[in-house]
Amino acid sequence: MQLRNNFSDETKGLFCFNDECWSCGDSWGDGNADYHHTLGRISSSPLNLAPLCLGCHSKHIEMKSPPNQTKFLIKTIKYLLREGYELRKKDIKFYQNNKEKYK
């Protein structure tokens, strides 16, 4: 995976077994995925992360649309909970500070 952001190794590790693009649903092999900041680089919370294939991540403006942001948040939360992740204070604060953007 190409890592071009400020997510911690711990946060990236939460998604290491995911091989599906949150946007198009395609699976990828090594080197064809990237981590997208759903609301921009405002937070390194796992809730702000959406794994995308390189093709979808290159459509940066389209990925920033409110419908995509909401879709990514829902997929991320479902994935993290399924993986046994427990929301932390920074995650709850991130959501509370940005919930109006997810509509």
PDB file of N, CA and C in Angstrom:
ATOM      1  N   MET A   1       0.832  -1.190   0.000  1.00  0.00           N
ATOM      2  CA  MET A   1       0.000   0.000   0.000  1.00  0.00           C
ATOM      3  C   MET A   1       0.866   1.239   0.000  1.00  0.00           C
ATOM      4  N   GLN A   2       0.447   2.229  -0.742  1.00  0.00           N
ATOM      5  CA  GLN A   2       1.134   3.512  -0.706  1.00  0.00           C
ATOM      6  C   GLN A   2       0.541   4.341   0.420  1.00  0.00           C
ATOM      7  N   LEU A   3       1.388   4.863   1.263  1.00  0.00           N
ATOM      8  CA  LEU A   3       0.928   5.616   2.415  1.00  0.00           C
ATOM      9  C   LEU A   3       1.415   7.043   2.297  1.00  0.00           C
ATOM     10  N   ARG A   4       0.505   7.954   1.972  1.00  0.00           N
ATOM     11  CA  ARG A   4       0.885   9.346   1.770  1.00  0.00           C
ATOM     12  C   ARG A   4       0.138  10.258   2.726  1.00  0.00           C
ATOM     13  N   ASN A   5       0.026   9.894   3.965  1.00  0.00           N
ATOM     14  CA  ASN A   5      -0.740  10.722   4.890  1.00  0.00           C
ATOM     15  C   ASN A   5      -0.192  10.601   6.304  1.00  0.00           C
ATOM     16  N   ASN A   6      -0.861  11.245   7.221  1.00  0.00           N
ATOM     17  CA  ASN A   6      -0.371  11.258   8.595  1.00  0.00           C
ATOM     18  C   ASN A   6      -1.147  10.332   9.526  1.00  0.00           C
ATOM     19  N   PHE A   7      -1.758   9.296   9.013  1.00  0.00           N
ATOM     20  CA  PHE A   7      -2.367   8.309   9.893  1.00  0.00           C
ATOM     21  C   PHE A   7      -1.256   7.533  10.595  1.00  0.00           C
ATOM     22  N   SER A   8      -1.471   7.239  11.864  1.00  0.00           N
ATOM     23  CA  SER A   8      -0.463   6.494  12.620  1.00  0.00           C
ATOM     24  C   SER A   8      -0.380   5.058  12.100  1.00  0.00           C
ATOM     25  N   ASP A   9       0.728   4.410  12.418  1.00  0.00           N
ATOM     26  CA  ASP A   9       0.872   3.000  12.044  1.00  0.00           C
ATOM     27  C   ASP A   9      -0.231   2.162  12.682  1.00  0.00           C
ATOM     28  N   GLU A  10      -0.615   2.529  13.907  1.00  0.00           N
ATOM     29  CA  GLU A  10      -1.695   1.821  14.593  1.00  0.00           C
ATOM     30  C   GLU A  10      -3.008   1.941  13.816  1.00  0.00           C
ATOM     31  N   THR A  11      -3.328   3.154  13.365  1.00  0.00           N
ATOM     32  CA  THR A  11      -4.564   3.364  12.599  1.00  0.00           C
ATOM     33  C   THR A  11      -4.508   2.625  11.276  1.00  0.00           C
ATOM     34  N   LYS A  12      -3.403   2.717  10.569  1.00  0.00           N
ATOM     35  CA  LYS A  12      -3.254   2.007   9.296  1.00  0.00           C
ATOM     36  C   LYS A  12      -3.399   0.501   9.510  1.00  0.00           C
ATOM     37  N   GLY A  13      -2.851   0.022  10.630  1.00  0.00           N
ATOM     38  CA  GLY A  13      -2.913  -1.402  10.928  1.00  0.00           C
ATOM     39  C   GLY A  13      -4.332  -1.923  11.102  1.00  0.00           C
ATOM     40  N   LEU A  14      -5.240  -1.054  11.516  1.00  0.00           N
ATOM     41  CA  LEU A  14      -6.642  -1.470  11.674  1.00  0.00           C
ATOM     42  C   LEU A  14      -7.246  -1.911  10.345  1.00  0.00           C
ATOM     43  N   PHE A  15      -6.690  -1.417   9.239  1.00  0.00           N
ATOM     44  CA  PHE A  15      -7.246  -1.688   7.915  1.00  0.00           C
ATOM     45  C   PHE A  15      -6.362  -2.619   7.089  1.00  0.00           C
ATOM     46  N   CYS A  16      -5.358  -3.218   7.712  1.00  0.00           N
ATOM     47  CA  CYS A  16      -4.391  -4.006   6.942  1.00  0.00           C
ATOM     48  C   CYS A  16      -4.998  -5.257   6.308  1.00  0.00           C
ATOM     49  N   PHE A  17      -6.106  -5.752   6.842  1.00  0.00           N
ATOM     50  CA  PHE A  17      -6.713  -6.946   6.263  1.00  0.00           C
ATOM     51  C   PHE A  17      -7.851  -6.616   5.294  1.00  0.00           C
ATOM     52  N   ASN A  18      -8.116  -5.331   5.124  1.00  0.00           N
ATOM     53  CA  ASN A  18      -9.127  -4.917   4.160  1.00  0.00           C
ATOM     54  C   ASN A  18      -8.519  -4.917   2.760  1.00  0.00           C
ATOM     55  N   ASP A  19      -9.225  -5.448   1.792  1.00  0.00           N
ATOM     56  CA  ASP A  19      -8.742  -5.409   0.408  1.00  0.00           C
ATOM     57  C   ASP A  19      -9.829  -4.923  -0.542  1.00  0.00           C
ATOM     58  N   GLU A  20     -10.719  -4.079  -0.013  1.00  0.00           N
ATOM     59  CA  GLU A  20     -11.841  -3.573  -0.806  1.00  0.00           C
ATOM     60  C   GLU A  20     -11.850  -2.051  -0.809  1.00  0.00           C
ATOM     61  N   CYS A  21     -12.019  -1.479  -1.991  1.00  0.00           N
ATOM     62  CA  CYS A  21     -12.152  -0.035  -2.128  1.00  0.00           C
ATOM     63  C   CYS A  21     -13.523   0.376  -1.604  1.00  0.00           C
ATOM     64  N   TRP A  22     -13.558   1.345  -0.697  1.00  0.00           N
ATOM     65  CA  TRP A  22     -14.815   1.811  -0.114  1.00  0.00           C
ATOM     66  C   TRP A  22     -15.686   2.498  -1.169  1.00  0.00           C
ATOM     67  N   SER A  23     -15.105   2.933  -2.279  1.00  0.00           N
ATOM     68  CA  SER A  23     -15.874   3.646  -3.296  1.00  0.00           C
ATOM     69  C   SER A  23     -16.461   2.708  -4.348  1.00  0.00           C
ATOM     70  N   CYS A  24     -15.597   1.977  -5.052  1.00  0.00           N
ATOM     71  CA  CYS A  24     -16.080   1.140  -6.160  1.00  0.00           C
ATOM     72  C   CYS A  24     -16.287  -0.320  -5.775  1.00  0.00           C
ATOM     73  N   GLY A  25     -15.746  -0.748  -4.643  1.00  0.00           N
ATOM     74  CA  GLY A  25     -15.921  -2.119  -4.191  1.00  0.00           C
ATOM     75  C   GLY A  25     -14.938  -3.117  -4.777  1.00  0.00           C
ATOM     76  N   ASP A  26     -14.063  -2.663  -5.670  1.00  0.00           N
ATOM     77  CA  ASP A  26     -13.081  -3.579  -6.252  1.00  0.00           C
ATOM     78  C   ASP A  26     -12.055  -4.011  -5.218  1.00  0.00           C
ATOM     79  N   SER A  27     -11.536  -5.207  -5.414  1.00  0.00           N
ATOM     80  CA  SER A  27     -10.430  -5.690  -4.588  1.00  0.00           C
ATOM     81  C   SER A  27      -9.124  -5.303  -5.258  1.00  0.00           C
ATOM     82  N   TRP A  28      -8.055  -5.257  -4.471  1.00  0.00           N
ATOM     83  CA  TRP A  28      -6.766  -4.879  -5.038  1.00  0.00           C
ATOM     84  C   TRP A  28      -5.685  -5.827  -4.577  1.00  0.00           C
ATOM     85  N   GLY A  29      -4.580  -5.773  -5.311  1.00  0.00           N
ATOM     86  CA  GLY A  29      -3.377  -6.491  -4.908  1.00  0.00           C
ATOM     87  C   GLY A  29      -2.428  -5.494  -4.264  1.00  0.00           C
ATOM     88  N   ASP A  30      -1.259  -5.931  -3.959  1.00  0.00           N
ATOM     89  CA  ASP A  30      -0.274  -5.052  -3.332  1.00  0.00           C
ATOM     90  C   ASP A  30      -0.009  -3.828  -4.210  1.00  0.00           C
ATOM     91  N   GLY A  31       0.027  -2.672  -3.567  1.00  0.00           N
ATOM     92  CA  GLY A  31       0.396  -1.445  -4.259  1.00  0.00           C
ATOM     93  C   GLY A  31      -0.731  -0.737  -4.979  1.00  0.00           C
ATOM     94  N   ASN A  32      -1.942  -1.228  -4.909  1.00  0.00           N
ATOM     95  CA  ASN A  32      -3.046  -0.596  -5.627  1.00  0.00           C
ATOM     96  C   ASN A  32      -4.052   0.075  -4.705  1.00  0.00           C
ATOM     97  N   ALA A  33      -3.650   0.370  -3.484  1.00  0.00           N
ATOM     98  CA  ALA A  33      -4.581   0.977  -2.532  1.00  0.00           C
ATOM     99  C   ALA A  33      -3.923   2.158  -1.841  1.00  0.00           C
ATOM    100  N   ASP A  34      -4.776   3.024  -1.328  1.00  0.00           N
ATOM    101  CA  ASP A  34      -4.309   4.202  -0.617  1.00  0.00           C
ATOM    102  C   ASP A  34      -5.303   4.513   0.487  1.00  0.00           C
ATOM    103  N   TYR A  35      -4.867   5.273   1.474  1.00  0.00           N
ATOM    104  CA  TYR A  35      -5.739   5.704   2.551  1.00  0.00           C
ATOM    105  C   TYR A  35      -6.183   7.135   2.296  1.00  0.00           C
ATOM    106  N   HIS A  36      -7.473   7.350   2.330  1.00  0.00           N
ATOM    107  CA  HIS A  36      -8.076   8.650   2.026  1.00  0.00           C
ATOM    108  C   HIS A  36      -8.597   9.283   3.310  1.00  0.00           C
ATOM    109  N   HIS A  37      -8.274  10.563   3.518  1.00  0.00           N
ATOM    110  CA  HIS A  37      -8.854  11.320   4.624  1.00  0.00           C
ATOM    111  C   HIS A  37     -10.236  11.782   4.175  1.00  0.00           C
ATOM    112  N   THR A  38     -11.268  11.205   4.730  1.00  0.00           N
ATOM    113  CA  THR A  38     -12.633  11.483   4.293  1.00  0.00           C
ATOM    114  C   THR A  38     -12.961  12.969   4.348  1.00  0.00           C
ATOM    115  N   LEU A  39     -12.617  13.632   5.441  1.00  0.00           N
ATOM    116  CA  LEU A  39     -12.895  15.067   5.578  1.00  0.00           C
ATOM    117  C   LEU A  39     -11.630  15.907   5.447  1.00  0.00           C
ATOM    118  N   GLY A  40     -10.619  15.381   4.823  1.00  0.00           N
ATOM    119  CA  GLY A  40      -9.352  16.094   4.717  1.00  0.00           C
ATOM    120  C   GLY A  40      -8.470  15.762   5.906  1.00  0.00           C
ATOM    121  N   ARG A  41      -7.324  16.381   5.957  1.00  0.00           N
ATOM    122  CA  ARG A  41      -6.327  16.051   6.984  1.00  0.00           C
ATOM    123  C   ARG A  41      -6.606  16.734   8.315  1.00  0.00           C
ATOM    124  N   ILE A  42      -7.873  16.857   8.680  1.00  0.00           N
ATOM    125  CA  ILE A  42      -8.255  17.516   9.936  1.00  0.00           C
ATOM    126  C   ILE A  42      -8.100  16.598  11.138  1.00  0.00           C
ATOM    127  N   SER A  43      -8.012  15.282  10.910  1.00  0.00           N
ATOM    128  CA  SER A  43      -7.921  14.344  12.018  1.00  0.00           C
ATOM    129  C   SER A  43      -7.290  13.047  11.542  1.00  0.00           C
ATOM    130  N   SER A  44      -6.547  12.414  12.438  1.00  0.00           N
ATOM    131  CA  SER A  44      -5.995  11.099  12.136  1.00  0.00           C
ATOM    132  C   SER A  44      -6.838   9.986  12.769  1.00  0.00           C
ATOM    133  N   SER A  45      -8.050  10.321  13.213  1.00  0.00           N
ATOM    134  CA  SER A  45      -8.966   9.321  13.757  1.00  0.00           C
ATOM    135  C   SER A  45      -9.264   8.267  12.690  1.00  0.00           C
ATOM    136  N   PRO A  46      -9.355   7.006  13.086  1.00  0.00           N
ATOM    137  CA  PRO A  46      -9.744   5.979  12.118  1.00  0.00           C
ATOM    138  C   PRO A  46     -11.086   6.268  11.436  1.00  0.00           C
ATOM    139  N   LEU A  47     -11.949   7.042  12.093  1.00  0.00           N
ATOM    140  CA  LEU A  47     -13.241   7.377  11.471  1.00  0.00           C
ATOM    141  C   LEU A  47     -13.068   8.276  10.257  1.00  0.00           C
ATOM    142  N   ASN A  48     -11.919   8.916  10.121  1.00  0.00           N
ATOM    143  CA  ASN A  48     -11.637   9.804   8.996  1.00  0.00           C
ATOM    144  C   ASN A  48     -10.905   9.071   7.875  1.00  0.00           C
ATOM    145  N   LEU A  49     -10.792   7.768   7.981  1.00  0.00           N
ATOM    146  CA  LEU A  49     -10.041   6.979   6.999  1.00  0.00           C
ATOM    147  C   LEU A  49     -10.978   6.163   6.127  1.00  0.00           C
ATOM    148  N   ALA A  50     -10.707   6.189   4.839  1.00  0.00           N
ATOM    149  CA  ALA A  50     -11.435   5.338   3.891  1.00  0.00           C
ATOM    150  C   ALA A  50     -10.414   4.717   2.945  1.00  0.00           C
ATOM    151  N   PRO A  51     -10.282   3.385   2.941  1.00  0.00           N
ATOM    152  CA  PRO A  51      -9.371   2.749   1.993  1.00  0.00           C
ATOM    153  C   PRO A  51      -9.951   2.842   0.580  1.00  0.00           C
ATOM    154  N   LEU A  52      -9.158   3.350  -0.341  1.00  0.00           N
ATOM    155  CA  LEU A  52      -9.592   3.500  -1.728  1.00  0.00           C
ATOM    156  C   LEU A  52      -8.554   2.915  -2.676  1.00  0.00           C
ATOM    157  N   CYS A  53      -9.017   2.408  -3.806  1.00  0.00           N
ATOM    158  CA  CYS A  53      -8.081   2.006  -4.844  1.00  0.00           C
ATOM    159  C   CYS A  53      -7.465   3.279  -5.428  1.00  0.00           C
ATOM    160  N   LEU A  54      -6.345   3.139  -6.092  1.00  0.00           N
ATOM    161  CA  LEU A  54      -5.660   4.316  -6.626  1.00  0.00           C
ATOM    162  C   LEU A  54      -6.517   5.060  -7.646  1.00  0.00           C
ATOM    163  N   GLY A  55      -7.308   4.327  -8.418  1.00  0.00           N
ATOM    164  CA  GLY A  55      -8.177   4.970  -9.411  1.00  0.00           C
ATOM    165  C   GLY A  55      -9.212   5.871  -8.763  1.00  0.00           C
ATOM    166  N   CYS A  56      -9.863   5.384  -7.721  1.00  0.00           N
ATOM    167  CA  CYS A  56     -10.870   6.197  -7.025  1.00  0.00           C
ATOM    168  C   CYS A  56     -10.215   7.342  -6.250  1.00  0.00           C
ATOM    169  N   HIS A  57      -9.066   7.073  -5.642  1.00  0.00           N
ATOM    170  CA  HIS A  57      -8.405   8.124  -4.860  1.00  0.00           C
ATOM    171  C   HIS A  57      -7.936   9.264  -5.757  1.00  0.00           C
ATOM    172  N   SER A  58      -7.655   8.959  -7.024  1.00  0.00           N
ATOM    173  CA  SER A  58      -7.229  10.017  -7.950  1.00  0.00           C
ATOM    174  C   SER A  58      -8.385  10.953  -8.307  1.00  0.00           C
ATOM    175  N   LYS A  59      -9.626  10.539  -8.053  1.00  0.00           N
ATOM    176  CA  LYS A  59     -10.805  11.391  -8.281  1.00  0.00           C
ATOM    177  C   LYS A  59     -11.093  12.172  -7.003  1.00  0.00           C
ATOM    178  N   HIS A  60     -10.087  12.892  -6.533  1.00  0.00           N
ATOM    179  CA  HIS A  60     -10.103  13.529  -5.215  1.00  0.00           C
ATOM    180  C   HIS A  60     -11.324  14.417  -4.979  1.00  0.00           C
ATOM    181  N   ILE A  61     -11.689  15.233  -5.945  1.00  0.00           N
ATOM    182  CA  ILE A  61     -12.809  16.168  -5.751  1.00  0.00           C
ATOM    183  C   ILE A  61     -14.112  15.388  -5.592  1.00  0.00           C
ATOM    184  N   GLU A  62     -14.304  14.375  -6.412  1.00  0.00           N
ATOM    185  CA  GLU A  62     -15.523  13.557  -6.329  1.00  0.00           C
ATOM    186  C   GLU A  62     -15.611  12.838  -4.985  1.00  0.00           C
ATOM    187  N   MET A  63     -14.477  12.413  -4.446  1.00  0.00           N
ATOM    188  CA  MET A  63     -14.465  11.682  -3.179  1.00  0.00           C
ATOM    189  C   MET A  63     -14.829  12.591  -2.001  1.00  0.00           C
ATOM    190  N   LYS A  64     -14.724  13.907  -2.186  1.00  0.00           N
ATOM    191  CA  LYS A  64     -15.030  14.864  -1.117  1.00  0.00           C
ATOM    192  C   LYS A  64     -16.508  15.248  -1.069  1.00  0.00           C
ATOM    193  N   SER A  65     -17.337  14.685  -1.928  1.00  0.00           N
ATOM    194  CA  SER A  65     -18.751  15.048  -1.930  1.00  0.00           C
ATOM    195  C   SER A  65     -19.428  14.507  -0.668  1.00  0.00           C
ATOM    196  N   PRO A  66     -20.404  15.251  -0.123  1.00  0.00           N
ATOM    197  CA  PRO A  66     -21.093  14.790   1.097  1.00  0.00           C
ATOM    198  C   PRO A  66     -21.653  13.369   1.011  1.00  0.00           C
ATOM    199  N   PRO A  67     -22.268  12.952  -0.123  1.00  0.00           N
ATOM    200  CA  PRO A  67     -22.761  11.565  -0.145  1.00  0.00           C
ATOM    201  C   PRO A  67     -21.629  10.541   0.018  1.00  0.00           C
ATOM    202  N   ASN A  68     -20.483  10.797  -0.597  1.00  0.00           N
ATOM    203  CA  ASN A  68     -19.353   9.876  -0.454  1.00  0.00           C
ATOM    204  C   ASN A  68     -18.792   9.919   0.960  1.00  0.00           C
ATOM    205  N   GLN A  69     -18.694  11.096   1.542  1.00  0.00           N
ATOM    206  CA  GLN A  69     -18.188  11.214   2.905  1.00  0.00           C
ATOM    207  C   GLN A  69     -19.044  10.397   3.871  1.00  0.00           C
ATOM    208  N   THR A  70     -20.344  10.500   3.730  1.00  0.00           N
ATOM    209  CA  THR A  70     -21.258   9.755   4.600  1.00  0.00           C
ATOM    210  C   THR A  70     -21.129   8.256   4.356  1.00  0.00           C
ATOM    211  N   LYS A  71     -21.076   7.858   3.101  1.00  0.00           N
ATOM    212  CA  LYS A  71     -20.920   6.439   2.752  1.00  0.00           C
ATOM    213  C   LYS A  71     -19.625   5.893   3.351  1.00  0.00           C
ATOM    214  N   PHE A  72     -18.538   6.648   3.239  1.00  0.00           N
ATOM    215  CA  PHE A  72     -17.253   6.200   3.771  1.00  0.00           C
ATOM    216  C   PHE A  72     -17.304   6.070   5.291  1.00  0.00           C
ATOM    217  N   LEU A  73     -17.910   7.040   5.962  1.00  0.00           N
ATOM    218  CA  LEU A  73     -18.002   6.981   7.426  1.00  0.00           C
ATOM    219  C   LEU A  73     -18.763   5.737   7.866  1.00  0.00           C
ATOM    220  N   ILE A  74     -19.889   5.462   7.251  1.00  0.00           N
ATOM    221  CA  ILE A  74     -20.700   4.295   7.613  1.00  0.00           C
ATOM    222  C   ILE A  74     -19.915   3.010   7.386  1.00  0.00           C
ATOM    223  N   LYS A  75     -19.255   2.893   6.231  1.00  0.00           N
ATOM    224  CA  LYS A  75     -18.466   1.692   5.945  1.00  0.00           C
ATOM    225  C   LYS A  75     -17.320   1.542   6.939  1.00  0.00           C
ATOM    226  N   THR A  76     -16.677   2.655   7.270  1.00  0.00           N
ATOM    227  CA  THR A  76     -15.552   2.612   8.198  1.00  0.00           C
ATOM    228  C   THR A  76     -16.007   2.172   9.583  1.00  0.00           C
ATOM    229  N   ILE A  77     -17.091   2.751  10.078  1.00  0.00           N
ATOM    230  CA  ILE A  77     -17.595   2.368  11.403  1.00  0.00           C
ATOM    231  C   ILE A  77     -17.988   0.893  11.425  1.00  0.00           C
ATOM    232  N   LYS A  78     -18.722   0.438  10.420  1.00  0.00           N
ATOM    233  CA  LYS A  78     -19.122  -0.972  10.365  1.00  0.00           C
ATOM    234  C   LYS A  78     -17.905  -1.889  10.339  1.00  0.00           C
ATOM    235  N   TYR A  79     -16.915  -1.536   9.529  1.00  0.00           N
ATOM    236  CA  TYR A  79     -15.705  -2.344   9.428  1.00  0.00           C
ATOM    237  C   TYR A  79     -14.978  -2.406  10.771  1.00  0.00           C
ATOM    238  N   LEU A  80     -14.770  -1.232  11.392  1.00  0.00           N
ATOM    239  CA  LEU A  80     -14.033  -1.186  12.653  1.00  0.00           C
ATOM    240  C   LEU A  80     -14.746  -1.978  13.749  1.00  0.00           C
ATOM    241  N   LEU A  81     -16.053  -1.827  13.846  1.00  0.00           N
ATOM    242  CA  LEU A  81     -16.807  -2.563  14.865  1.00  0.00           C
ATOM    243  C   LEU A  81     -16.745  -4.069  14.614  1.00  0.00           C
ATOM    244  N   ARG A  82     -16.842  -4.459  13.354  1.00  0.00           N
ATOM    245  CA  ARG A  82     -16.752  -5.880  12.994  1.00  0.00           C
ATOM    246  C   ARG A  82     -15.375  -6.443  13.363  1.00  0.00           C
ATOM    247  N   GLU A  83     -14.352  -5.595  13.285  1.00  0.00           N
ATOM    248  CA  GLU A  83     -12.990  -6.014  13.625  1.00  0.00           C
ATOM    249  C   GLU A  83     -12.707  -5.930  15.126  1.00  0.00           C
ATOM    250  N   GLY A  84     -13.692  -5.501  15.924  1.00  0.00           N
ATOM    251  CA  GLY A  84     -13.532  -5.450  17.373  1.00  0.00           C
ATOM    252  C   GLY A  84     -12.945  -4.156  17.906  1.00  0.00           C
ATOM    253  N   TYR A  85     -12.874  -3.140  17.068  1.00  0.00           N
ATOM    254  CA  TYR A  85     -12.330  -1.855  17.499  1.00  0.00           C
ATOM    255  C   TYR A  85     -13.314  -1.163  18.438  1.00  0.00           C
ATOM    256  N   GLU A  86     -12.800  -0.576  19.515  1.00  0.00           N
ATOM    257  CA  GLU A  86     -13.628   0.200  20.433  1.00  0.00           C
ATOM    258  C   GLU A  86     -13.341   1.680  20.212  1.00  0.00           C
ATOM    259  N   LEU A  87     -14.403   2.440  19.979  1.00  0.00           N
ATOM    260  CA  LEU A  87     -14.236   3.873  19.737  1.00  0.00           C
ATOM    261  C   LEU A  87     -13.544   4.530  20.925  1.00  0.00           C
ATOM    262  N   ARG A  88     -12.631   5.435  20.607  1.00  0.00           N
ATOM    263  CA  ARG A  88     -11.873   6.160  21.632  1.00  0.00           C
ATOM    264  C   ARG A  88     -12.381   7.587  21.723  1.00  0.00           C
ATOM    265  N   LYS A  89     -11.904   8.296  22.724  1.00  0.00           N
ATOM    266  CA  LYS A  89     -12.335   9.691  22.920  1.00  0.00           C
ATOM    267  C   LYS A  89     -12.092  10.524  21.676  1.00  0.00           C
ATOM    268  N   LYS A  90     -10.930  10.342  21.013  1.00  0.00           N
ATOM    269  CA  LYS A  90     -10.632  11.146  19.825  1.00  0.00           C
ATOM    270  C   LYS A  90     -11.603  10.839  18.689  1.00  0.00           C
ATOM    271  N   ASP A  91     -12.079   9.602  18.614  1.00  0.00           N
ATOM    272  CA  ASP A  91     -13.038   9.224  17.575  1.00  0.00           C
ATOM    273  C   ASP A  91     -14.394   9.879  17.837  1.00  0.00           C
ATOM    274  N   ILE A  92     -14.830   9.824  19.084  1.00  0.00           N
ATOM    275  CA  ILE A  92     -16.117  10.421  19.453  1.00  0.00           C
ATOM    276  C   ILE A  92     -16.056  11.931  19.266  1.00  0.00           C
ATOM    277  N   LYS A  93     -14.949  12.540  19.666  1.00  0.00           N
ATOM    278  CA  LYS A  93     -14.770  13.987  19.489  1.00  0.00           C
ATOM    279  C   LYS A  93     -14.772  14.351  18.002  1.00  0.00           C
ATOM    280  N   PHE A  94     -14.076  13.552  17.184  1.00  0.00           N
ATOM    281  CA  PHE A  94     -14.054  13.786  15.738  1.00  0.00           C
ATOM    282  C   PHE A  94     -15.471  13.765  15.179  1.00  0.00           C
ATOM    283  N   TYR A  95     -16.237  12.740  15.543  1.00  0.00           N
ATOM    284  CA  TYR A  95     -17.599  12.636  15.028  1.00  0.00           C
ATOM    285  C   TYR A  95     -18.460  13.804  15.512  1.00  0.00           C
ATOM    286  N   GLN A  96     -18.411  14.096  16.787  1.00  0.00           N
ATOM    287  CA  GLN A  96     -19.231  15.191  17.335  1.00  0.00           C
ATOM    288  C   GLN A  96     -18.886  16.525  16.681  1.00  0.00           C
ATOM    289  N   ASN A  97     -17.622  16.765  16.426  1.00  0.00           N
ATOM    290  CA  ASN A  97     -17.202  18.037  15.821  1.00  0.00           C
ATOM    291  C   ASN A  97     -17.549  18.136  14.333  1.00  0.00           C
ATOM    292  N   ASN A  98     -17.819  16.995  13.698  1.00  0.00           N
ATOM    293  CA  ASN A  98     -18.020  16.998  12.249  1.00  0.00           C
ATOM    294  C   ASN A  98     -19.337  16.379  11.786  1.00  0.00           C
ATOM    295  N   LYS A  99     -20.231  16.033  12.704  1.00  0.00           N
ATOM    296  CA  LYS A  99     -21.438  15.297  12.317  1.00  0.00           C
ATOM    297  C   LYS A  99     -22.310  16.067  11.328  1.00  0.00           C
ATOM    298  N   GLU A 100     -22.272  17.373  11.339  1.00  0.00           N
ATOM    299  CA  GLU A 100     -23.059  18.160  10.378  1.00  0.00           C
ATOM    300  C   GLU A 100     -22.563  17.984   8.950  1.00  0.00           C
ATOM    301  N   LYS A 101     -21.305  17.626   8.782  1.00  0.00           N
ATOM    302  CA  LYS A 101     -20.732  17.426   7.438  1.00  0.00           C
ATOM    303  C   LYS A 101     -21.165  16.097   6.843  1.00  0.00           C
ATOM    304  N   TYR A 102     -21.617  15.176   7.697  1.00  0.00           N
ATOM    305  CA  TYR A 102     -22.027  13.849   7.238  1.00  0.00           C
ATOM    306  C   TYR A 102     -23.531  13.778   7.031  1.00  0.00           C
ATOM    307  N   LYS A 103     -24.037  14.582   6.136  1.00  0.00           N
ATOM    308  CA  LYS A 103     -25.477  14.545   5.865  1.00  0.00           C
ATOM    309  C   LYS A 103     -25.736  14.397   4.417  1.00  0.00           C
TER     310      LYS A 103
END
